[in-house]
Amino acid sequence: MIKARVTVTLKNGVLDPQGKAIEHALGGLGFSGVDSIRQGKVFDVVLETSDRAAAEAELKAMAEKLLANTVIEDYAVEVL
């Protein structure tokens, strides 16, 4: 079995209203010095294979087809 993590984040230049709301809320809670926050998604995936190269290719296909909206989001695949 291979454990992996796919991290999806908004591309630079794409507005992030949820990140802005979190940034504002942190200021209201007394956390000063927070310059910027961008939100994202993390997917922890377990694959029933021992072939790391095949797993990485499959994870990238999953991200391209479903996990990320590649028009506005970037993704990173990490085999753990």
Protein backbone atom coordinates (compact mmCIF):
# COMPACT_ATOMS: atom_id res chain seq x y z
CA MET A 1 0.00 0.00 0.00
CA ILE A 2 1.12 3.53 -0.74
CA LYS A 3 -0.01 6.54 1.24
CA ALA A 4 -0.03 9.88 -0.52
CA ARG A 5 -1.19 13.45 -0.11
CA VAL A 6 -2.61 15.71 -2.79
CA THR A 7 -2.59 19.40 -1.88
CA VAL A 8 -4.78 21.75 -3.93
CA THR A 9 -4.34 25.53 -3.76
CA LEU A 10 -5.66 28.48 -5.69
CA LYS A 11 -3.36 29.79 -8.41
CA ASN A 12 -1.64 33.12 -7.83
CA GLY A 13 -3.87 35.95 -8.97
CA VAL A 14 -7.13 34.11 -8.24
CA LEU A 15 -9.19 35.90 -5.62
CA ASP A 16 -9.59 34.00 -2.36
CA PRO A 17 -12.57 35.39 -0.41
CA GLN A 18 -12.44 32.57 2.17
CA GLY A 19 -8.76 33.28 2.84
CA LYS A 20 -9.55 36.98 3.21
CA ALA A 21 -12.36 36.20 5.69
CA ILE A 22 -10.00 34.01 7.74
CA GLU A 23 -7.35 36.73 7.68
CA HIS A 24 -9.89 39.29 8.94
CA ALA A 25 -11.18 36.93 11.66
CA LEU A 26 -7.67 36.25 12.93
CA GLY A 27 -7.10 40.00 13.27
CA GLY A 28 -10.33 40.25 15.25
CA LEU A 29 -9.09 37.49 17.56
CA GLY A 30 -5.93 39.46 18.32
CA PHE A 31 -3.49 37.71 16.00
CA SER A 32 -1.54 40.61 14.58
CA GLY A 33 1.06 40.51 11.84
CA VAL A 34 -0.82 38.12 9.56
CA ASP A 35 -0.11 39.55 6.13
CA SER A 36 -1.99 37.06 3.96
CA ILE A 37 -3.77 33.71 4.09
CA ARG A 38 -4.74 31.48 1.17
CA GLN A 39 -7.00 28.50 1.77
CA GLY A 40 -6.75 25.14 0.06
CA LYS A 41 -7.68 21.46 0.25
CA VAL A 42 -5.74 18.37 1.32
CA PHE A 43 -6.60 14.84 0.23
CA ASP A 44 -4.94 11.88 1.98
CA VAL A 45 -5.14 8.85 -0.30
CA VAL A 46 -4.18 5.20 0.26
CA LEU A 47 -3.58 3.17 -2.89
CA GLU A 48 -3.39 -0.61 -3.03
CA THR A 49 -0.12 -0.81 -4.94
CA SER A 50 3.59 -0.90 -4.22
CA ASP A 51 4.63 0.76 -7.49
CA ARG A 52 5.50 4.35 -6.59
CA ALA A 53 5.74 5.57 -10.19
CA ALA A 54 2.35 4.12 -11.12
CA ALA A 55 0.83 5.52 -7.93
CA GLU A 56 2.17 8.99 -8.64
CA ALA A 57 0.82 8.88 -12.22
CA GLU A 58 -2.57 7.73 -10.96
CA LEU A 59 -2.69 10.46 -8.31
CA LYS A 60 -1.87 13.11 -10.91
CA ALA A 61 -4.68 11.79 -13.10
CA MET A 62 -7.07 11.93 -10.13
CA ALA A 63 -6.09 15.53 -9.47
CA GLU A 64 -6.46 16.52 -13.12
CA LYS A 65 -9.86 14.86 -13.53
CA LEU A 66 -11.56 15.48 -10.18
CA LEU A 67 -9.63 16.77 -7.18
CA ALA A 68 -8.52 20.10 -8.66
CA ASN A 69 -10.12 22.61 -10.98
CA THR A 70 -6.95 23.17 -13.01
CA VAL A 71 -8.27 26.40 -14.51
CA ILE A 72 -8.01 28.16 -11.13
CA GLU A 73 -6.14 25.68 -8.92
CA ASP A 74 -2.69 24.14 -8.71
CA TYR A 75 -1.98 20.80 -7.10
CA ALA A 76 0.98 18.95 -5.66
CA VAL A 77 1.30 15.18 -5.23
CA GLU A 78 3.42 13.80 -2.41
CA VAL A 79 3.95 10.07 -1.98
CA LEU A 80 4.54 9.54 1.74
